[in-house]
Amino acid sequence: MEKIDVGKKILRENDKHAFENIIFLTERKKLCLNMISSPGSGKTTILARTITELKGKVKIGVIEGDIQTDIDAERIRETEAPAVQINTEGACHLSAPQISDALKILPVDELDLIFIENVGNLVCPSAFALGESGKIAVLSVAEGDDKPAKYPAIFAKSKAMLLNKIDLLEGGHVDFDVERAKADARRLNKTLEVFPISARTGEGMAAWCDWLVNSVRETVK
């Protein structure tokens, strides 16, 4: 009796659509970054702040992934950036076909950079290619410095890691060893860029935004 591995079949089908997305974005020289983290790490706040900081320099659009609601997409639209909301209705990650559909709605030709804010989850989204140029791992200091060691896949696959909410470190509001988190992540990924930031106060955002500007320039060469 022939055995069908459903998981592998799903991944193969997803990868086919991801490759089509890569071609679509590469032909248009668009940078696309897939932002992945646990729920509540501050992804949407980071994106809103990034869009504001780069206004007039980089044209940004966002694909928002959530199980329910369009709350995050509305927050992005308040910055005057275009946003498309995808509701997964229970699935713990976005898929490449969903991104393909969203790219047909976004004004891609008018944009320099497309962010995908994946569903809040450190595990599932890291296994599914979407056709992105790279992944961005977000870790807030409120989550604990052991996350790169406990959830290695996303940190091993990412181009950059944002350590968010560093303003909470002042006054000892949380116990978080920044150097330990950085060291654990870089053991998995020697080329990983690390940006300690506070999307709330703006601390560290300049270095992150400079990196994005340079990445966009490299993409359009």
C-alpha atoms as a PDB file:
ATOM      1  CA  MET A   1       0.000   0.000   0.000  1.00  0.00           C
ATOM      2  CA  GLU A   2       1.450   3.361  -1.052  1.00  0.00           C
ATOM      3  CA  LYS A   3       1.858   5.879   1.751  1.00  0.00           C
ATOM      4  CA  ILE A   4       1.242   9.565   1.071  1.00  0.00           C
ATOM      5  CA  ASP A   5       3.081  12.052   3.272  1.00  0.00           C
ATOM      6  CA  VAL A   6       0.496  14.835   3.460  1.00  0.00           C
ATOM      7  CA  GLY A   7       2.926  17.242   5.135  1.00  0.00           C
ATOM      8  CA  LYS A   8       5.507  16.908   2.356  1.00  0.00           C
ATOM      9  CA  LYS A   9       2.815  17.263  -0.303  1.00  0.00           C
ATOM     10  CA  ILE A  10       1.582  20.514   1.280  1.00  0.00           C
ATOM     11  CA  LEU A  11       5.132  21.887   1.477  1.00  0.00           C
ATOM     12  CA  ARG A  12       5.831  20.958  -2.162  1.00  0.00           C
ATOM     13  CA  GLU A  13       2.693  22.739  -3.327  1.00  0.00           C
ATOM     14  CA  ASN A  14       3.534  25.760  -1.168  1.00  0.00           C
ATOM     15  CA  ASP A  15       7.109  25.868  -2.496  1.00  0.00           C
ATOM     16  CA  LYS A  16       5.816  25.912  -6.074  1.00  0.00           C
ATOM     17  CA  HIS A  17       3.818  29.084  -5.345  1.00  0.00           C
ATOM     18  CA  ALA A  18       6.742  30.542  -3.359  1.00  0.00           C
ATOM     19  CA  PHE A  19       8.994  30.158  -6.409  1.00  0.00           C
ATOM     20  CA  GLU A  20       6.418  31.960  -8.541  1.00  0.00           C
ATOM     21  CA  ASN A  21       6.376  34.790  -5.980  1.00  0.00           C
ATOM     22  CA  ILE A  22      10.174  34.991  -6.114  1.00  0.00           C
ATOM     23  CA  ILE A  23      10.049  35.397  -9.885  1.00  0.00           C
ATOM     24  CA  PHE A  24       7.295  38.016  -9.630  1.00  0.00           C
ATOM     25  CA  LEU A  25       9.224  40.096  -7.079  1.00  0.00           C
ATOM     26  CA  THR A  26      12.660  39.614  -8.644  1.00  0.00           C
ATOM     27  CA  GLU A  27      11.475  40.726 -12.079  1.00  0.00           C
ATOM     28  CA  ARG A  28      10.179  43.923 -10.484  1.00  0.00           C
ATOM     29  CA  LYS A  29      13.272  44.345  -8.242  1.00  0.00           C
ATOM     30  CA  LYS A  30      11.194  44.518  -5.059  1.00  0.00           C
ATOM     31  CA  LEU A  31      12.564  43.733  -1.602  1.00  0.00           C
ATOM     32  CA  CYS A  32      10.165  41.560   0.415  1.00  0.00           C
ATOM     33  CA  LEU A  33      10.812  40.780   4.086  1.00  0.00           C
ATOM     34  CA  ASN A  34       8.880  38.217   6.129  1.00  0.00           C
ATOM     35  CA  MET A  35       8.637  39.336   9.768  1.00  0.00           C
ATOM     36  CA  ILE A  36       8.193  36.465  12.241  1.00  0.00           C
ATOM     37  CA  SER A  37       7.794  36.465  16.019  1.00  0.00           C
ATOM     38  CA  SER A  38       5.654  35.400  18.943  1.00  0.00           C
ATOM     39  CA  PRO A  39       2.363  37.256  19.501  1.00  0.00           C
ATOM     40  CA  GLY A  40       2.857  40.563  21.283  1.00  0.00           C
ATOM     41  CA  SER A  41       6.516  41.107  20.394  1.00  0.00           C
ATOM     42  CA  GLY A  42       5.642  44.434  18.761  1.00  0.00           C
ATOM     43  CA  LYS A  43       5.768  43.625  15.039  1.00  0.00           C
ATOM     44  CA  THR A  44       2.980  46.018  14.046  1.00  0.00           C
ATOM     45  CA  THR A  45       4.374  48.836  16.179  1.00  0.00           C
ATOM     46  CA  ILE A  46       7.802  48.281  14.621  1.00  0.00           C
ATOM     47  CA  LEU A  47       6.313  48.419  11.133  1.00  0.00           C
ATOM     48  CA  ALA A  48       4.308  51.571  11.826  1.00  0.00           C
ATOM     49  CA  ARG A  49       7.401  53.276  13.264  1.00  0.00           C
ATOM     50  CA  THR A  50       9.570  52.080  10.370  1.00  0.00           C
ATOM     51  CA  ILE A  51       7.111  53.403   7.780  1.00  0.00           C
ATOM     52  CA  THR A  52       7.021  56.777   9.537  1.00  0.00           C
ATOM     53  CA  GLU A  53      10.828  56.969   9.836  1.00  0.00           C
ATOM     54  CA  LEU A  54      11.335  56.112   6.150  1.00  0.00           C
ATOM     55  CA  LYS A  55       8.570  58.287   4.715  1.00  0.00           C
ATOM     56  CA  GLY A  56       9.928  60.099   1.662  1.00  0.00           C
ATOM     57  CA  LYS A  57      12.864  57.674   1.405  1.00  0.00           C
ATOM     58  CA  VAL A  58      11.357  54.214   0.909  1.00  0.00           C
ATOM     59  CA  LYS A  59       7.844  53.384  -0.277  1.00  0.00           C
ATOM     60  CA  ILE A  60       6.543  50.555   1.896  1.00  0.00           C
ATOM     61  CA  GLY A  61       3.536  48.253   1.647  1.00  0.00           C
ATOM     62  CA  VAL A  62       2.469  45.599   4.145  1.00  0.00           C
ATOM     63  CA  ILE A  63       0.765  42.212   3.969  1.00  0.00           C
ATOM     64  CA  GLU A  64      -0.772  41.506   7.378  1.00  0.00           C
ATOM     65  CA  GLY A  65      -1.404  37.980   8.624  1.00  0.00           C
ATOM     66  CA  ASP A  66      -3.706  37.267  11.561  1.00  0.00           C
ATOM     67  CA  ILE A  67      -6.075  34.507  12.543  1.00  0.00           C
ATOM     68  CA  GLN A  68      -8.927  37.028  12.835  1.00  0.00           C
ATOM     69  CA  THR A  69      -9.642  40.800  12.509  1.00  0.00           C
ATOM     70  CA  ASP A  70      -8.031  43.550  10.434  1.00  0.00           C
ATOM     71  CA  ILE A  71      -6.826  45.533  13.463  1.00  0.00           C
ATOM     72  CA  ASP A  72      -3.161  45.460  12.420  1.00  0.00           C
ATOM     73  CA  ALA A  73      -3.876  46.365   8.793  1.00  0.00           C
ATOM     74  CA  GLU A  74      -5.870  49.375   9.974  1.00  0.00           C
ATOM     75  CA  ARG A  75      -2.939  50.480  12.151  1.00  0.00           C
ATOM     76  CA  ILE A  76      -0.671  50.325   9.115  1.00  0.00           C
ATOM     77  CA  ARG A  77      -3.143  52.256   6.959  1.00  0.00           C
ATOM     78  CA  GLU A  78      -3.112  55.030   9.561  1.00  0.00           C
ATOM     79  CA  THR A  79       0.493  55.678   8.447  1.00  0.00           C
ATOM     80  CA  GLU A  80      -0.839  56.142   4.873  1.00  0.00           C
ATOM     81  CA  ALA A  81       0.955  52.985   3.708  1.00  0.00           C
ATOM     82  CA  PRO A  82      -1.044  50.412   1.726  1.00  0.00           C
ATOM     83  CA  ALA A  83      -1.890  47.218   3.605  1.00  0.00           C
ATOM     84  CA  VAL A  84      -3.641  43.975   2.704  1.00  0.00           C
ATOM     85  CA  GLN A  85      -5.110  41.837   5.486  1.00  0.00           C
ATOM     86  CA  ILE A  86      -5.066  38.034   5.323  1.00  0.00           C
ATOM     87  CA  ASN A  87      -7.118  36.135   7.914  1.00  0.00           C
ATOM     88  CA  THR A  88      -5.996  32.524   8.209  1.00  0.00           C
ATOM     89  CA  GLU A  89      -9.137  31.425  10.123  1.00  0.00           C
ATOM     90  CA  GLY A  90      -7.099  29.297  12.530  1.00  0.00           C
ATOM     91  CA  ALA A  91      -3.927  28.428  10.601  1.00  0.00           C
ATOM     92  CA  CYS A  92      -0.741  29.316  12.480  1.00  0.00           C
ATOM     93  CA  HIS A  93       1.144  30.698   9.461  1.00  0.00           C
ATOM     94  CA  LEU A  94       0.720  32.389   6.109  1.00  0.00           C
ATOM     95  CA  SER A  95       1.159  30.416   2.887  1.00  0.00           C
ATOM     96  CA  ALA A  96       2.707  31.276  -0.466  1.00  0.00           C
ATOM     97  CA  PRO A  97      -0.637  31.154  -2.360  1.00  0.00           C
ATOM     98  CA  GLN A  98      -2.060  33.705   0.097  1.00  0.00           C
ATOM     99  CA  ILE A  99       0.912  35.995  -0.541  1.00  0.00           C
ATOM    100  CA  SER A 100       0.426  35.596  -4.286  1.00  0.00           C
ATOM    101  CA  ASP A 101      -3.176  36.760  -3.934  1.00  0.00           C
ATOM    102  CA  ALA A 102      -2.148  39.699  -1.727  1.00  0.00           C
ATOM    103  CA  LEU A 103       0.512  40.820  -4.216  1.00  0.00           C
ATOM    104  CA  LYS A 104      -2.225  41.175  -6.823  1.00  0.00           C
ATOM    105  CA  ILE A 105      -3.992  43.676  -4.534  1.00  0.00           C
ATOM    106  CA  LEU A 106      -1.010  45.717  -3.308  1.00  0.00           C
ATOM    107  CA  PRO A 107       0.231  48.473  -5.670  1.00  0.00           C
ATOM    108  CA  VAL A 108       3.520  46.578  -6.027  1.00  0.00           C
ATOM    109  CA  ASP A 109       4.914  48.652  -8.888  1.00  0.00           C
ATOM    110  CA  GLU A 110       4.672  51.787  -6.723  1.00  0.00           C
ATOM    111  CA  LEU A 111       6.575  50.212  -3.797  1.00  0.00           C
ATOM    112  CA  ASP A 112      10.246  49.710  -2.919  1.00  0.00           C
ATOM    113  CA  LEU A 113       9.760  47.395   0.041  1.00  0.00           C
ATOM    114  CA  ILE A 114       7.039  44.927   0.991  1.00  0.00           C
ATOM    115  CA  PHE A 115       6.776  43.636   4.536  1.00  0.00           C
ATOM    116  CA  ILE A 116       4.901  40.462   5.390  1.00  0.00           C
ATOM    117  CA  GLU A 117       3.806  40.418   9.020  1.00  0.00           C
ATOM    118  CA  ASN A 118       3.270  36.728   9.625  1.00  0.00           C
ATOM    119  CA  VAL A 119       0.903  35.194  12.165  1.00  0.00           C
ATOM    120  CA  GLY A 120       2.315  35.430  15.696  1.00  0.00           C
ATOM    121  CA  ASN A 121       4.218  32.155  16.103  1.00  0.00           C
ATOM    122  CA  LEU A 122       7.934  31.332  16.341  1.00  0.00           C
ATOM    123  CA  VAL A 123       7.615  27.801  14.943  1.00  0.00           C
ATOM    124  CA  CYS A 124       5.204  27.228  12.032  1.00  0.00           C
ATOM    125  CA  PRO A 125       5.978  30.318   9.895  1.00  0.00           C
ATOM    126  CA  SER A 126       9.686  29.462   9.725  1.00  0.00           C
ATOM    127  CA  ALA A 127       8.922  26.239   7.817  1.00  0.00           C
ATOM    128  CA  PHE A 128       6.898  27.849   5.018  1.00  0.00           C
ATOM    129  CA  ALA A 129       8.647  29.763   2.236  1.00  0.00           C
ATOM    130  CA  LEU A 130       6.537  32.627   0.914  1.00  0.00           C
ATOM    131  CA  GLY A 131       8.796  33.878  -1.858  1.00  0.00           C
ATOM    132  CA  GLU A 132      10.311  36.553   0.352  1.00  0.00           C
ATOM    133  CA  SER A 133      13.781  38.043  -0.053  1.00  0.00           C
ATOM    134  CA  GLY A 134      14.525  37.242   3.573  1.00  0.00           C
ATOM    135  CA  LYS A 135      13.121  36.640   7.027  1.00  0.00           C
ATOM    136  CA  ILE A 136      13.300  39.025   9.990  1.00  0.00           C
ATOM    137  CA  ALA A 137      13.066  37.522  13.479  1.00  0.00           C
ATOM    138  CA  VAL A 138      11.591  39.735  16.181  1.00  0.00           C
ATOM    139  CA  LEU A 139      12.190  39.004  19.857  1.00  0.00           C
ATOM    140  CA  SER A 140      11.003  41.280  22.635  1.00  0.00           C
ATOM    141  CA  VAL A 141      12.946  41.436  25.880  1.00  0.00           C
ATOM    142  CA  ALA A 142       9.750  40.527  27.736  1.00  0.00           C
ATOM    143  CA  GLU A 143       9.882  37.019  26.229  1.00  0.00           C
ATOM    144  CA  GLY A 144      13.196  35.893  27.714  1.00  0.00           C
ATOM    145  CA  ASP A 145      16.731  35.647  26.359  1.00  0.00           C
ATOM    146  CA  ASP A 146      16.549  31.862  25.886  1.00  0.00           C
ATOM    147  CA  LYS A 147      14.306  31.979  22.806  1.00  0.00           C
ATOM    148  CA  PRO A 148      17.072  31.654  20.159  1.00  0.00           C
ATOM    149  CA  ALA A 149      18.233  28.458  21.870  1.00  0.00           C
ATOM    150  CA  LYS A 150      14.697  27.090  22.312  1.00  0.00           C
ATOM    151  CA  TYR A 151      13.367  28.021  18.854  1.00  0.00           C
ATOM    152  CA  PRO A 152      16.466  27.838  16.635  1.00  0.00           C
ATOM    153  CA  ALA A 153      14.897  27.493  13.169  1.00  0.00           C
ATOM    154  CA  ILE A 154      13.706  31.068  12.703  1.00  0.00           C
ATOM    155  CA  PHE A 155      16.937  32.592  14.025  1.00  0.00           C
ATOM    156  CA  ALA A 156      19.038  30.294  11.828  1.00  0.00           C
ATOM    157  CA  LYS A 157      17.071  31.313   8.719  1.00  0.00           C
ATOM    158  CA  SER A 158      16.753  35.067   9.292  1.00  0.00           C
ATOM    159  CA  LYS A 159      18.736  37.915   7.768  1.00  0.00           C
ATOM    160  CA  ALA A 160      18.228  40.093  10.838  1.00  0.00           C
ATOM    161  CA  MET A 161      16.953  39.903  14.403  1.00  0.00           C
ATOM    162  CA  LEU A 162      15.202  42.816  16.076  1.00  0.00           C
ATOM    163  CA  LEU A 163      15.465  42.868  19.872  1.00  0.00           C
ATOM    164  CA  ASN A 164      12.438  44.992  20.667  1.00  0.00           C
ATOM    165  CA  LYS A 165      11.232  46.785  23.812  1.00  0.00           C
ATOM    166  CA  ILE A 166      14.747  47.485  25.092  1.00  0.00           C
ATOM    167  CA  ASP A 167      13.314  50.474  26.979  1.00  0.00           C
ATOM    168  CA  LEU A 168      12.010  47.886  29.488  1.00  0.00           C
ATOM    169  CA  LEU A 169      15.598  47.014  30.425  1.00  0.00           C
ATOM    170  CA  GLU A 170      16.028  50.384  32.104  1.00  0.00           C
ATOM    171  CA  GLY A 171      15.086  50.184  35.751  1.00  0.00           C
ATOM    172  CA  GLY A 172      15.222  46.394  35.728  1.00  0.00           C
ATOM    173  CA  HIS A 173      11.621  45.890  34.594  1.00  0.00           C
ATOM    174  CA  VAL A 174      12.614  42.592  32.949  1.00  0.00           C
ATOM    175  CA  ASP A 175      15.504  40.159  33.277  1.00  0.00           C
ATOM    176  CA  PHE A 176      16.991  39.791  29.808  1.00  0.00           C
ATOM    177  CA  ASP A 177      20.632  39.215  28.904  1.00  0.00           C
ATOM    178  CA  VAL A 178      21.066  40.943  25.535  1.00  0.00           C
ATOM    179  CA  GLU A 179      24.543  39.508  24.971  1.00  0.00           C
ATOM    180  CA  ARG A 180      23.341  35.967  25.667  1.00  0.00           C
ATOM    181  CA  ALA A 181      20.476  36.300  23.177  1.00  0.00           C
ATOM    182  CA  LYS A 182      22.823  37.731  20.536  1.00  0.00           C
ATOM    183  CA  ALA A 183      25.453  35.043  21.120  1.00  0.00           C
ATOM    184  CA  ASP A 184      22.924  32.193  20.950  1.00  0.00           C
ATOM    185  CA  ALA A 185      21.419  33.589  17.750  1.00  0.00           C
ATOM    186  CA  ARG A 186      24.808  34.104  16.106  1.00  0.00           C
ATOM    187  CA  ARG A 187      25.888  30.579  16.997  1.00  0.00           C
ATOM    188  CA  LEU A 188      23.048  29.502  14.729  1.00  0.00           C
ATOM    189  CA  ASN A 189      23.648  32.186  12.101  1.00  0.00           C
ATOM    190  CA  LYS A 190      27.054  33.861  11.882  1.00  0.00           C
ATOM    191  CA  THR A 191      25.900  36.520   9.401  1.00  0.00           C
ATOM    192  CA  LEU A 192      22.797  37.533  11.390  1.00  0.00           C
ATOM    193  CA  GLU A 193      22.356  41.291  11.770  1.00  0.00           C
ATOM    194  CA  VAL A 194      21.120  42.232  15.256  1.00  0.00           C
ATOM    195  CA  PHE A 195      19.303  45.473  16.030  1.00  0.00           C
ATOM    196  CA  PRO A 196      18.364  46.274  19.651  1.00  0.00           C
ATOM    197  CA  ILE A 197      15.425  48.687  19.332  1.00  0.00           C
ATOM    198  CA  SER A 198      12.474  50.249  21.074  1.00  0.00           C
ATOM    199  CA  ALA A 199       9.653  50.859  18.623  1.00  0.00           C
ATOM    200  CA  ARG A 200       7.907  52.817  21.383  1.00  0.00           C
ATOM    201  CA  THR A 201      10.693  55.333  22.079  1.00  0.00           C
ATOM    202  CA  GLY A 202      12.533  55.134  18.753  1.00  0.00           C
ATOM    203  CA  GLU A 203      15.820  54.010  20.313  1.00  0.00           C
ATOM    204  CA  GLY A 204      17.904  51.998  17.843  1.00  0.00           C
ATOM    205  CA  MET A 205      15.501  52.562  14.950  1.00  0.00           C
ATOM    206  CA  ALA A 206      18.010  54.607  12.924  1.00  0.00           C
ATOM    207  CA  ALA A 207      20.401  51.664  12.468  1.00  0.00           C
ATOM    208  CA  TRP A 208      17.530  49.360  11.483  1.00  0.00           C
ATOM    209  CA  CYS A 209      16.194  51.881   8.972  1.00  0.00           C
ATOM    210  CA  ASP A 210      19.662  52.469   7.498  1.00  0.00           C
ATOM    211  CA  TRP A 211      19.995  48.718   6.972  1.00  0.00           C
ATOM    212  CA  LEU A 212      16.643  48.659   5.180  1.00  0.00           C
ATOM    213  CA  VAL A 213      17.604  51.559   2.903  1.00  0.00           C
ATOM    214  CA  ASN A 214      20.848  49.799   1.964  1.00  0.00           C
ATOM    215  CA  SER A 215      18.985  46.520   1.381  1.00  0.00           C
ATOM    216  CA  VAL A 216      16.543  48.262  -0.962  1.00  0.00           C
ATOM    217  CA  ARG A 217      19.467  49.797  -2.873  1.00  0.00           C
ATOM    218  CA  GLU A 218      21.076  46.373  -3.264  1.00  0.00           C
ATOM    219  CA  THR A 219      17.794  44.935  -4.554  1.00  0.00           C
ATOM    220  CA  VAL A 220      17.313  47.514  -7.303  1.00  0.00           C
ATOM    221  CA  LYS A 221      20.888  47.265  -8.652  1.00  0.00           C
END
